Amino acid sequence: MRKLVLVHGRGQHDKDPKALKEAWIDALRNGLAGSGLDLPVAPQDIAFPYYGDVLNNLVEGEDEAITRGSSEDQQEIEFRQLLMEEMAEAAGITPDDILSASEDPTVSRDLFNAGWARAIMRAFDNHLPLVSGLAVARFTRDVWAYLKRPGVRDAVERLVLDKIADNECVVVGHSLGSIVAYGTVNRDDRLKAPVLITIGSPLGVGRIQDAIGVMRRPGCVKRWYNARDRRDFVALYLLKRPQFVINPEVDENYDKVNNFESNRHGIAGYLSDTHVAREIYNGLKA
């Protein structure tokens, strides 16, 4: 029987890894029950590499850079601002909405404009009250740190890699965790990770693909399944052309998840989906 590796997203610092793992398993059991299935592996065969505190300790206090407009890394500010704009547009927030949310009615849309970045955050608060503008800004911070700071990336991936090594695994990544899962299994084609499942994934976002650089399908992955809720403000696109170009392509994209969580992005709403749960089940039973 294969091992199941669950890779969580950002914002999980200062939480109990055991409780988080149990919440994931409970949600997956709910999804399987909808098809009359039971969890096919024992809890001890489910790995939950917890990197929440490691990531937070490496980036804590850095989220203010984009709203101050001062940073040693202008590339980071450009990436984060443009990613916030792309997420706002996908959420139905217009430039006029952002301008209306600004404290300064003359604020410009220029890159590196801290006032514009603050206005985007307020626009999220105004139009999507269940999605915090600060959380969006911190999401962009953590994505940048993982993708562009080798010390951060290595520290996070090392924890995941330790759970994959020497085991044949089904790897499930949610949100930022889908980027981490992709990056980790892409490190070495000799890894035994034949099934990669990404849910609520932002990998289809152009700015993120640009930051990753040359993308390829991990050589160890035999089946790649991706699922999203169309209303998910993080999973803006399916992992398919024209937004996502990789060869060979992702085997299946599923966009009919009805995520019951308030922001449509929560992990419980994804794992409780019967289609997603069956895909994990099938991967483990193969």
C-alpha atoms as a PDB file:
ATOM      1  CA  MET A   1       0.000   0.000   0.000  1.00  0.00           C
ATOM      2  CA  ARG A   2       1.241   3.456  -0.848  1.00  0.00           C
ATOM      3  CA  LYS A   3       1.835   6.134   1.767  1.00  0.00           C
ATOM      4  CA  LEU A   4      -0.155   9.377   1.801  1.00  0.00           C
ATOM      5  CA  VAL A   5       1.722  12.672   2.190  1.00  0.00           C
ATOM      6  CA  LEU A   6      -0.366  15.779   2.950  1.00  0.00           C
ATOM      7  CA  VAL A   7       1.300  19.147   2.298  1.00  0.00           C
ATOM      8  CA  HIS A   8      -0.483  22.074   3.944  1.00  0.00           C
ATOM      9  CA  GLY A   9      -0.609  25.692   2.810  1.00  0.00           C
ATOM     10  CA  ARG A  10       0.513  28.933   4.451  1.00  0.00           C
ATOM     11  CA  GLY A  11      -0.811  30.515   7.617  1.00  0.00           C
ATOM     12  CA  GLN A  12      -0.526  27.367   9.719  1.00  0.00           C
ATOM     13  CA  HIS A  13       2.102  28.630  12.161  1.00  0.00           C
ATOM     14  CA  ASP A  14       1.550  28.379  15.910  1.00  0.00           C
ATOM     15  CA  LYS A  15      -0.868  25.496  15.360  1.00  0.00           C
ATOM     16  CA  ASP A  16      -0.788  21.918  16.580  1.00  0.00           C
ATOM     17  CA  PRO A  17       0.485  19.685  13.742  1.00  0.00           C
ATOM     18  CA  LYS A  18      -1.309  16.676  15.198  1.00  0.00           C
ATOM     19  CA  ALA A  19      -4.646  18.508  15.280  1.00  0.00           C
ATOM     20  CA  LEU A  20      -4.116  19.808  11.728  1.00  0.00           C
ATOM     21  CA  LYS A  21      -3.398  16.313  10.457  1.00  0.00           C
ATOM     22  CA  GLU A  22      -6.488  14.944  12.180  1.00  0.00           C
ATOM     23  CA  ALA A  23      -8.624  17.693  10.613  1.00  0.00           C
ATOM     24  CA  TRP A  24      -7.318  16.766   7.149  1.00  0.00           C
ATOM     25  CA  ILE A  25      -8.025  13.079   7.766  1.00  0.00           C
ATOM     26  CA  ASP A  26     -11.527  13.786   9.098  1.00  0.00           C
ATOM     27  CA  ALA A  27     -12.353  15.849   6.005  1.00  0.00           C
ATOM     28  CA  LEU A  28     -10.996  13.118   3.724  1.00  0.00           C
ATOM     29  CA  ARG A  29     -13.073  10.509   5.544  1.00  0.00           C
ATOM     30  CA  ASN A  30     -16.153  12.668   4.967  1.00  0.00           C
ATOM     31  CA  GLY A  31     -15.381  12.844   1.262  1.00  0.00           C
ATOM     32  CA  LEU A  32     -14.860   9.094   1.026  1.00  0.00           C
ATOM     33  CA  ALA A  33     -18.074   8.378   2.920  1.00  0.00           C
ATOM     34  CA  GLY A  34     -19.991  10.126   0.147  1.00  0.00           C
ATOM     35  CA  SER A  35     -18.920   7.266  -2.133  1.00  0.00           C
ATOM     36  CA  GLY A  36     -19.332   4.553   0.498  1.00  0.00           C
ATOM     37  CA  LEU A  37     -15.561   4.218   0.903  1.00  0.00           C
ATOM     38  CA  ASP A  38     -13.287   3.988   3.926  1.00  0.00           C
ATOM     39  CA  LEU A  39      -9.835   5.448   4.347  1.00  0.00           C
ATOM     40  CA  PRO A  40      -7.586   2.754   2.807  1.00  0.00           C
ATOM     41  CA  VAL A  41      -4.484   3.529   4.904  1.00  0.00           C
ATOM     42  CA  ALA A  42      -3.843   3.655   8.626  1.00  0.00           C
ATOM     43  CA  PRO A  43      -3.170   7.080  10.190  1.00  0.00           C
ATOM     44  CA  GLN A  44       0.456   6.062  10.824  1.00  0.00           C
ATOM     45  CA  ASP A  45       0.852   5.674   7.051  1.00  0.00           C
ATOM     46  CA  ILE A  46      -0.229   9.278   6.520  1.00  0.00           C
ATOM     47  CA  ALA A  47       2.562  11.842   6.748  1.00  0.00           C
ATOM     48  CA  PHE A  48       1.896  15.486   7.519  1.00  0.00           C
ATOM     49  CA  PRO A  49       5.153  17.407   7.059  1.00  0.00           C
ATOM     50  CA  TYR A  50       4.544  20.517   9.143  1.00  0.00           C
ATOM     51  CA  TYR A  51       6.507  23.536   7.967  1.00  0.00           C
ATOM     52  CA  GLY A  52       4.243  26.300   9.288  1.00  0.00           C
ATOM     53  CA  ASP A  53       6.536  27.501  12.070  1.00  0.00           C
ATOM     54  CA  VAL A  54       9.682  27.130   9.956  1.00  0.00           C
ATOM     55  CA  LEU A  55       8.244  29.311   7.187  1.00  0.00           C
ATOM     56  CA  ASN A  56       6.825  31.898   9.567  1.00  0.00           C
ATOM     57  CA  ASN A  57      10.118  32.240  11.457  1.00  0.00           C
ATOM     58  CA  LEU A  58      11.927  32.914   8.179  1.00  0.00           C
ATOM     59  CA  VAL A  59       9.513  35.563   6.865  1.00  0.00           C
ATOM     60  CA  GLU A  60       7.902  37.050   9.978  1.00  0.00           C
ATOM     61  CA  GLY A  61       7.755  40.844   9.947  1.00  0.00           C
ATOM     62  CA  GLU A  62       8.408  41.151   6.215  1.00  0.00           C
ATOM     63  CA  ASP A  63       4.829  41.624   5.047  1.00  0.00           C
ATOM     64  CA  GLU A  64       4.962  45.390   5.640  1.00  0.00           C
ATOM     65  CA  ALA A  65       7.493  45.962   2.861  1.00  0.00           C
ATOM     66  CA  ILE A  66       4.887  46.151   0.124  1.00  0.00           C
ATOM     67  CA  THR A  67       2.779  48.693   2.023  1.00  0.00           C
ATOM     68  CA  ARG A  68       5.774  50.849   2.939  1.00  0.00           C
ATOM     69  CA  GLY A  69       7.070  50.857  -0.617  1.00  0.00           C
ATOM     70  CA  SER A  70      10.580  50.254   0.626  1.00  0.00           C
ATOM     71  CA  SER A  71      12.493  47.065   0.101  1.00  0.00           C
ATOM     72  CA  GLU A  72      15.936  46.044  -0.969  1.00  0.00           C
ATOM     73  CA  ASP A  73      14.320  43.760  -3.514  1.00  0.00           C
ATOM     74  CA  GLN A  74      12.248  45.691  -6.036  1.00  0.00           C
ATOM     75  CA  GLN A  75      11.572  42.445  -7.907  1.00  0.00           C
ATOM     76  CA  GLU A  76       9.740  41.169  -4.858  1.00  0.00           C
ATOM     77  CA  ILE A  77       7.520  44.254  -4.640  1.00  0.00           C
ATOM     78  CA  GLU A  78       6.745  44.056  -8.367  1.00  0.00           C
ATOM     79  CA  PHE A  79       5.867  40.357  -8.106  1.00  0.00           C
ATOM     80  CA  ARG A  80       3.671  40.815  -5.049  1.00  0.00           C
ATOM     81  CA  GLN A  81       1.821  43.865  -6.339  1.00  0.00           C
ATOM     82  CA  LEU A  82       1.089  42.321  -9.732  1.00  0.00           C
ATOM     83  CA  LEU A  83       0.011  39.052  -8.106  1.00  0.00           C
ATOM     84  CA  MET A  84      -2.351  40.944  -5.789  1.00  0.00           C
ATOM     85  CA  GLU A  85      -3.817  42.739  -8.820  1.00  0.00           C
ATOM     86  CA  GLU A  86      -4.295  39.430 -10.653  1.00  0.00           C
ATOM     87  CA  MET A  87      -6.022  37.914  -7.636  1.00  0.00           C
ATOM     88  CA  ALA A  88      -8.224  40.996  -7.255  1.00  0.00           C
ATOM     89  CA  GLU A  89      -9.260  40.860 -10.913  1.00  0.00           C
ATOM     90  CA  ALA A  90     -10.143  37.171 -10.596  1.00  0.00           C
ATOM     91  CA  ALA A  91     -12.259  38.034  -7.559  1.00  0.00           C
ATOM     92  CA  GLY A  92     -14.212  40.613  -9.579  1.00  0.00           C
ATOM     93  CA  ILE A  93     -12.510  43.627  -7.988  1.00  0.00           C
ATOM     94  CA  THR A  94     -11.982  46.367 -10.589  1.00  0.00           C
ATOM     95  CA  PRO A  95      -9.336  49.117 -10.668  1.00  0.00           C
ATOM     96  CA  ASP A  96     -12.130  51.565  -9.846  1.00  0.00           C
ATOM     97  CA  ASP A  97     -12.989  49.477  -6.775  1.00  0.00           C
ATOM     98  CA  ILE A  98      -9.362  49.649  -5.707  1.00  0.00           C
ATOM     99  CA  LEU A  99      -9.232  53.397  -6.287  1.00  0.00           C
ATOM    100  CA  SER A 100     -12.404  53.852  -4.240  1.00  0.00           C
ATOM    101  CA  ALA A 101     -10.821  51.931  -1.387  1.00  0.00           C
ATOM    102  CA  SER A 102      -7.774  54.181  -1.295  1.00  0.00           C
ATOM    103  CA  GLU A 103      -7.250  56.836   1.361  1.00  0.00           C
ATOM    104  CA  ASP A 104      -5.767  58.981  -1.392  1.00  0.00           C
ATOM    105  CA  PRO A 105      -8.100  59.565  -4.386  1.00  0.00           C
ATOM    106  CA  THR A 106      -5.107  60.622  -6.503  1.00  0.00           C
ATOM    107  CA  VAL A 107      -3.165  57.410  -5.924  1.00  0.00           C
ATOM    108  CA  SER A 108      -1.623  55.980  -9.088  1.00  0.00           C
ATOM    109  CA  ARG A 109      -1.493  52.402 -10.267  1.00  0.00           C
ATOM    110  CA  ASP A 110       2.267  52.539 -10.738  1.00  0.00           C
ATOM    111  CA  LEU A 111       4.486  49.682  -9.695  1.00  0.00           C
ATOM    112  CA  PHE A 112       6.180  50.104  -6.306  1.00  0.00           C
ATOM    113  CA  ASN A 113       3.332  52.362  -5.186  1.00  0.00           C
ATOM    114  CA  ALA A 114       2.690  51.516  -1.543  1.00  0.00           C
ATOM    115  CA  GLY A 115      -0.585  53.449  -1.559  1.00  0.00           C
ATOM    116  CA  TRP A 116      -1.930  51.334  -4.405  1.00  0.00           C
ATOM    117  CA  ALA A 117      -0.914  48.133  -2.597  1.00  0.00           C
ATOM    118  CA  ARG A 118      -2.728  49.262   0.549  1.00  0.00           C
ATOM    119  CA  ALA A 119      -5.787  50.119  -1.563  1.00  0.00           C
ATOM    120  CA  ILE A 120      -5.843  46.596  -3.038  1.00  0.00           C
ATOM    121  CA  MET A 121      -5.822  45.153   0.473  1.00  0.00           C
ATOM    122  CA  ARG A 122      -8.711  47.407   1.512  1.00  0.00           C
ATOM    123  CA  ALA A 123     -10.622  46.472  -1.637  1.00  0.00           C
ATOM    124  CA  PHE A 124     -10.395  42.809  -0.636  1.00  0.00           C
ATOM    125  CA  ASP A 125     -11.705  43.707   2.805  1.00  0.00           C
ATOM    126  CA  ASN A 126     -14.572  45.715   1.277  1.00  0.00           C
ATOM    127  CA  HIS A 127     -15.665  43.327  -1.449  1.00  0.00           C
ATOM    128  CA  LEU A 128     -14.746  39.956   0.046  1.00  0.00           C
ATOM    129  CA  PRO A 129     -15.166  40.407   3.794  1.00  0.00           C
ATOM    130  CA  LEU A 130     -14.364  36.753   4.387  1.00  0.00           C
ATOM    131  CA  VAL A 131     -11.017  37.176   2.601  1.00  0.00           C
ATOM    132  CA  SER A 132      -8.615  39.412   4.514  1.00  0.00           C
ATOM    133  CA  GLY A 133      -6.543  41.833   2.442  1.00  0.00           C
ATOM    134  CA  LEU A 134      -3.688  41.295   4.881  1.00  0.00           C
ATOM    135  CA  ALA A 135      -3.917  37.536   4.325  1.00  0.00           C
ATOM    136  CA  VAL A 136      -3.676  38.117   0.561  1.00  0.00           C
ATOM    137  CA  ALA A 137      -0.571  40.284   1.046  1.00  0.00           C
ATOM    138  CA  ARG A 138       0.998  37.671   3.287  1.00  0.00           C
ATOM    139  CA  PHE A 139       0.177  34.954   0.776  1.00  0.00           C
ATOM    140  CA  THR A 140       2.160  36.867  -1.863  1.00  0.00           C
ATOM    141  CA  ARG A 141       5.004  37.318   0.633  1.00  0.00           C
ATOM    142  CA  ASP A 142       5.195  33.614   1.432  1.00  0.00           C
ATOM    143  CA  VAL A 143       4.990  32.542  -2.224  1.00  0.00           C
ATOM    144  CA  TRP A 144       7.834  34.901  -3.112  1.00  0.00           C
ATOM    145  CA  ALA A 145       9.952  33.779  -0.168  1.00  0.00           C
ATOM    146  CA  TYR A 146       9.490  30.104  -1.021  1.00  0.00           C
ATOM    147  CA  LEU A 147      10.174  30.535  -4.730  1.00  0.00           C
ATOM    148  CA  LYS A 148      13.009  33.038  -4.641  1.00  0.00           C
ATOM    149  CA  ARG A 149      14.881  32.589  -1.380  1.00  0.00           C
ATOM    150  CA  PRO A 150      16.855  29.332  -1.503  1.00  0.00           C
ATOM    151  CA  GLY A 151      17.217  29.170   2.281  1.00  0.00           C
ATOM    152  CA  VAL A 152      13.445  29.263   2.707  1.00  0.00           C
ATOM    153  CA  ARG A 153      12.766  26.810  -0.074  1.00  0.00           C
ATOM    154  CA  ASP A 154      15.362  24.311   1.120  1.00  0.00           C
ATOM    155  CA  ALA A 155      14.143  24.455   4.718  1.00  0.00           C
ATOM    156  CA  VAL A 156      10.539  23.792   3.691  1.00  0.00           C
ATOM    157  CA  GLU A 157      11.237  21.145   1.075  1.00  0.00           C
ATOM    158  CA  ARG A 158      13.599  19.266   3.354  1.00  0.00           C
ATOM    159  CA  LEU A 159      10.711  18.561   5.723  1.00  0.00           C
ATOM    160  CA  VAL A 160       8.516  17.268   2.889  1.00  0.00           C
ATOM    161  CA  LEU A 161      11.311  15.302   1.247  1.00  0.00           C
ATOM    162  CA  ASP A 162      11.989  13.491   4.511  1.00  0.00           C
ATOM    163  CA  LYS A 163       8.452  12.074   4.392  1.00  0.00           C
ATOM    164  CA  ILE A 164       8.678  11.010   0.743  1.00  0.00           C
ATOM    165  CA  ALA A 165      12.123   9.411   0.748  1.00  0.00           C
ATOM    166  CA  ASP A 166      12.175   5.616   0.344  1.00  0.00           C
ATOM    167  CA  ASN A 167       8.376   5.388   0.223  1.00  0.00           C
ATOM    168  CA  GLU A 168       5.969   5.104  -2.708  1.00  0.00           C
ATOM    169  CA  CYS A 169       3.635   8.006  -2.081  1.00  0.00           C
ATOM    170  CA  VAL A 170       0.523   9.814  -3.108  1.00  0.00           C
ATOM    171  CA  VAL A 171       1.396  13.473  -2.522  1.00  0.00           C
ATOM    172  CA  VAL A 172      -1.469  15.924  -1.920  1.00  0.00           C
ATOM    173  CA  GLY A 173      -0.686  19.655  -1.844  1.00  0.00           C
ATOM    174  CA  HIS A 174      -3.125  22.456  -0.976  1.00  0.00           C
ATOM    175  CA  SER A 175      -2.684  26.155  -1.828  1.00  0.00           C
ATOM    176  CA  LEU A 176       0.970  27.149  -1.264  1.00  0.00           C
ATOM    177  CA  GLY A 177       1.435  23.497  -0.359  1.00  0.00           C
ATOM    178  CA  SER A 178       0.683  22.583  -3.977  1.00  0.00           C
ATOM    179  CA  ILE A 179       3.662  24.704  -5.050  1.00  0.00           C
ATOM    180  CA  VAL A 180       5.768  23.085  -2.340  1.00  0.00           C
ATOM    181  CA  ALA A 181       4.614  19.599  -3.364  1.00  0.00           C
ATOM    182  CA  TYR A 182       5.399  20.306  -7.021  1.00  0.00           C
ATOM    183  CA  GLY A 183       8.816  21.745  -6.175  1.00  0.00           C
ATOM    184  CA  THR A 184       9.722  18.859  -3.895  1.00  0.00           C
ATOM    185  CA  VAL A 185       8.786  15.993  -6.206  1.00  0.00           C
ATOM    186  CA  ASN A 186      10.491  17.856  -9.050  1.00  0.00           C
ATOM    187  CA  ARG A 187      13.844  17.749  -7.264  1.00  0.00           C
ATOM    188  CA  ASP A 188      14.699  14.186  -8.190  1.00  0.00           C
ATOM    189  CA  ASP A 189      13.161  11.914 -10.808  1.00  0.00           C
ATOM    190  CA  ARG A 190      14.169   8.928  -8.669  1.00  0.00           C
ATOM    191  CA  LEU A 191      11.654   9.819  -5.971  1.00  0.00           C
ATOM    192  CA  LYS A 192       8.783   7.377  -5.556  1.00  0.00           C
ATOM    193  CA  ALA A 193       5.893   9.792  -5.940  1.00  0.00           C
ATOM    194  CA  PRO A 194       3.810   8.371  -8.801  1.00  0.00           C
ATOM    195  CA  VAL A 195       0.677  10.368  -7.928  1.00  0.00           C
ATOM    196  CA  LEU A 196       0.583  14.146  -7.422  1.00  0.00           C
ATOM    197  CA  ILE A 197      -2.720  15.759  -6.416  1.00  0.00           C
ATOM    198  CA  THR A 198      -2.978  19.552  -6.272  1.00  0.00           C
ATOM    199  CA  ILE A 199      -6.064  21.245  -4.818  1.00  0.00           C
ATOM    200  CA  GLY A 200      -6.808  24.952  -4.551  1.00  0.00           C
ATOM    201  CA  SER A 201      -3.559  25.476  -6.426  1.00  0.00           C
ATOM    202  CA  PRO A 202      -2.201  28.820  -7.669  1.00  0.00           C
ATOM    203  CA  LEU A 203       0.291  27.116  -9.999  1.00  0.00           C
ATOM    204  CA  GLY A 204      -1.713  28.302 -13.006  1.00  0.00           C
ATOM    205  CA  VAL A 205      -1.122  31.970 -12.163  1.00  0.00           C
ATOM    206  CA  GLY A 206       1.226  33.565 -14.680  1.00  0.00           C
ATOM    207  CA  ARG A 207       3.270  35.524 -12.125  1.00  0.00           C
ATOM    208  CA  ILE A 208       3.928  32.363 -10.155  1.00  0.00           C
ATOM    209  CA  GLN A 209       4.980  30.410 -13.226  1.00  0.00           C
ATOM    210  CA  ASP A 210       7.311  33.246 -14.208  1.00  0.00           C
ATOM    211  CA  ALA A 211       8.863  33.165 -10.742  1.00  0.00           C
ATOM    212  CA  ILE A 212       9.352  29.399 -10.897  1.00  0.00           C
ATOM    213  CA  GLY A 213      11.138  29.714 -14.230  1.00  0.00           C
ATOM    214  CA  VAL A 214      11.439  26.755 -16.564  1.00  0.00           C
ATOM    215  CA  MET A 215       8.622  24.370 -15.673  1.00  0.00           C
ATOM    216  CA  ARG A 216       8.521  20.665 -16.373  1.00  0.00           C
ATOM    217  CA  ARG A 217       6.359  17.831 -15.248  1.00  0.00           C
ATOM    218  CA  PRO A 218       8.171  15.919 -12.476  1.00  0.00           C
ATOM    219  CA  GLY A 219       9.680  12.798 -13.972  1.00  0.00           C
ATOM    220  CA  CYS A 220       8.588  10.602 -11.072  1.00  0.00           C
ATOM    221  CA  VAL A 221       4.912  11.583 -11.415  1.00  0.00           C
ATOM    222  CA  LYS A 222       2.813   9.141 -13.425  1.00  0.00           C
ATOM    223  CA  ARG A 223      -0.555  10.778 -12.706  1.00  0.00           C
ATOM    224  CA  TRP A 224      -1.191  14.440 -11.882  1.00  0.00           C
ATOM    225  CA  TYR A 225      -4.707  15.394 -10.822  1.00  0.00           C
ATOM    226  CA  ASN A 226      -5.749  18.975 -10.103  1.00  0.00           C
ATOM    227  CA  ALA A 227      -9.008  20.258  -8.588  1.00  0.00           C
ATOM    228  CA  ARG A 228     -10.424  23.657  -7.753  1.00  0.00           C
ATOM    229  CA  ASP A 229     -13.580  25.526  -6.860  1.00  0.00           C
ATOM    230  CA  ARG A 230     -14.193  28.155  -9.560  1.00  0.00           C
ATOM    231  CA  ARG A 231     -14.877  30.706  -6.803  1.00  0.00           C
ATOM    232  CA  ASP A 232     -11.547  30.077  -5.075  1.00  0.00           C
ATOM    233  CA  PHE A 233      -9.655  33.396  -5.016  1.00  0.00           C
ATOM    234  CA  VAL A 234      -6.277  31.570  -4.913  1.00  0.00           C
ATOM    235  CA  ALA A 235      -6.814  28.876  -7.556  1.00  0.00           C
ATOM    236  CA  LEU A 236      -7.422  31.384 -10.328  1.00  0.00           C
ATOM    237  CA  TYR A 237      -6.977  28.976 -13.233  1.00  0.00           C
ATOM    238  CA  LEU A 238      -7.036  25.298 -14.029  1.00  0.00           C
ATOM    239  CA  LEU A 239      -3.669  23.748 -14.777  1.00  0.00           C
ATOM    240  CA  LYS A 240      -4.233  23.606 -18.503  1.00  0.00           C
ATOM    241  CA  ARG A 241      -3.538  25.648 -21.599  1.00  0.00           C
ATOM    242  CA  PRO A 242      -3.432  28.525 -22.264  1.00  0.00           C
ATOM    243  CA  GLN A 243      -2.693  29.613 -18.685  1.00  0.00           C
ATOM    244  CA  PHE A 244      -0.569  26.600 -17.784  1.00  0.00           C
ATOM    245  CA  VAL A 245       1.919  25.105 -20.205  1.00  0.00           C
ATOM    246  CA  ILE A 246       3.809  21.996 -19.177  1.00  0.00           C
ATOM    247  CA  ASN A 247       4.738  18.805 -20.984  1.00  0.00           C
ATOM    248  CA  PRO A 248       3.368  16.266 -20.554  1.00  0.00           C
ATOM    249  CA  GLU A 249       0.240  18.056 -19.439  1.00  0.00           C
ATOM    250  CA  VAL A 250      -1.666  17.499 -16.200  1.00  0.00           C
ATOM    251  CA  ASP A 251      -3.704  14.301 -16.578  1.00  0.00           C
ATOM    252  CA  GLU A 252      -6.986  15.630 -15.201  1.00  0.00           C
ATOM    253  CA  ASN A 253      -8.365  19.029 -14.220  1.00  0.00           C
ATOM    254  CA  TYR A 254     -11.575  19.073 -12.195  1.00  0.00           C
ATOM    255  CA  ASP A 255     -13.300  22.390 -11.517  1.00  0.00           C
ATOM    256  CA  LYS A 256     -16.644  21.338 -10.089  1.00  0.00           C
ATOM    257  CA  VAL A 257     -15.634  21.327  -6.424  1.00  0.00           C
ATOM    258  CA  ASN A 258     -18.320  22.980  -4.302  1.00  0.00           C
ATOM    259  CA  ASN A 259     -16.171  24.156  -1.421  1.00  0.00           C
ATOM    260  CA  PHE A 260     -18.481  24.861   1.514  1.00  0.00           C
ATOM    261  CA  GLU A 261     -15.986  27.020   3.389  1.00  0.00           C
ATOM    262  CA  SER A 262     -16.625  30.750   3.516  1.00  0.00           C
ATOM    263  CA  ASN A 263     -13.707  31.757   1.304  1.00  0.00           C
ATOM    264  CA  ARG A 264     -14.090  28.717  -1.010  1.00  0.00           C
ATOM    265  CA  HIS A 265     -10.412  27.914  -0.436  1.00  0.00           C
ATOM    266  CA  GLY A 266     -10.373  25.929   2.809  1.00  0.00           C
ATOM    267  CA  ILE A 267      -8.894  22.459   2.919  1.00  0.00           C
ATOM    268  CA  ALA A 268     -11.933  20.828   4.552  1.00  0.00           C
ATOM    269  CA  GLY A 269     -14.141  21.875   1.651  1.00  0.00           C
ATOM    270  CA  TYR A 270     -11.722  20.330  -0.828  1.00  0.00           C
ATOM    271  CA  LEU A 271     -11.073  17.006   0.896  1.00  0.00           C
ATOM    272  CA  SER A 272     -14.785  16.553   1.607  1.00  0.00           C
ATOM    273  CA  ASP A 273     -15.518  16.642  -2.121  1.00  0.00           C
ATOM    274  CA  THR A 274     -16.336  13.094  -3.239  1.00  0.00           C
ATOM    275  CA  HIS A 275     -14.489  13.426  -6.565  1.00  0.00           C
ATOM    276  CA  VAL A 276     -11.297  14.633  -4.876  1.00  0.00           C
ATOM    277  CA  ALA A 277     -11.545  12.005  -2.130  1.00  0.00           C
ATOM    278  CA  ARG A 278     -12.015   9.199  -4.674  1.00  0.00           C
ATOM    279  CA  GLU A 279      -8.968  10.375  -6.582  1.00  0.00           C
ATOM    280  CA  ILE A 280      -6.852  10.116  -3.433  1.00  0.00           C
ATOM    281  CA  TYR A 281      -8.377   6.700  -2.687  1.00  0.00           C
ATOM    282  CA  ASN A 282      -7.649   5.414  -6.192  1.00  0.00           C
ATOM    283  CA  GLY A 283      -4.083   6.662  -5.999  1.00  0.00           C
ATOM    284  CA  LEU A 284      -3.505   4.833  -2.730  1.00  0.00           C
ATOM    285  CA  LYS A 285      -5.094   1.598  -3.967  1.00  0.00           C
ATOM    286  CA  ALA A 286      -3.229   1.493  -7.292  1.00  0.00           C
END
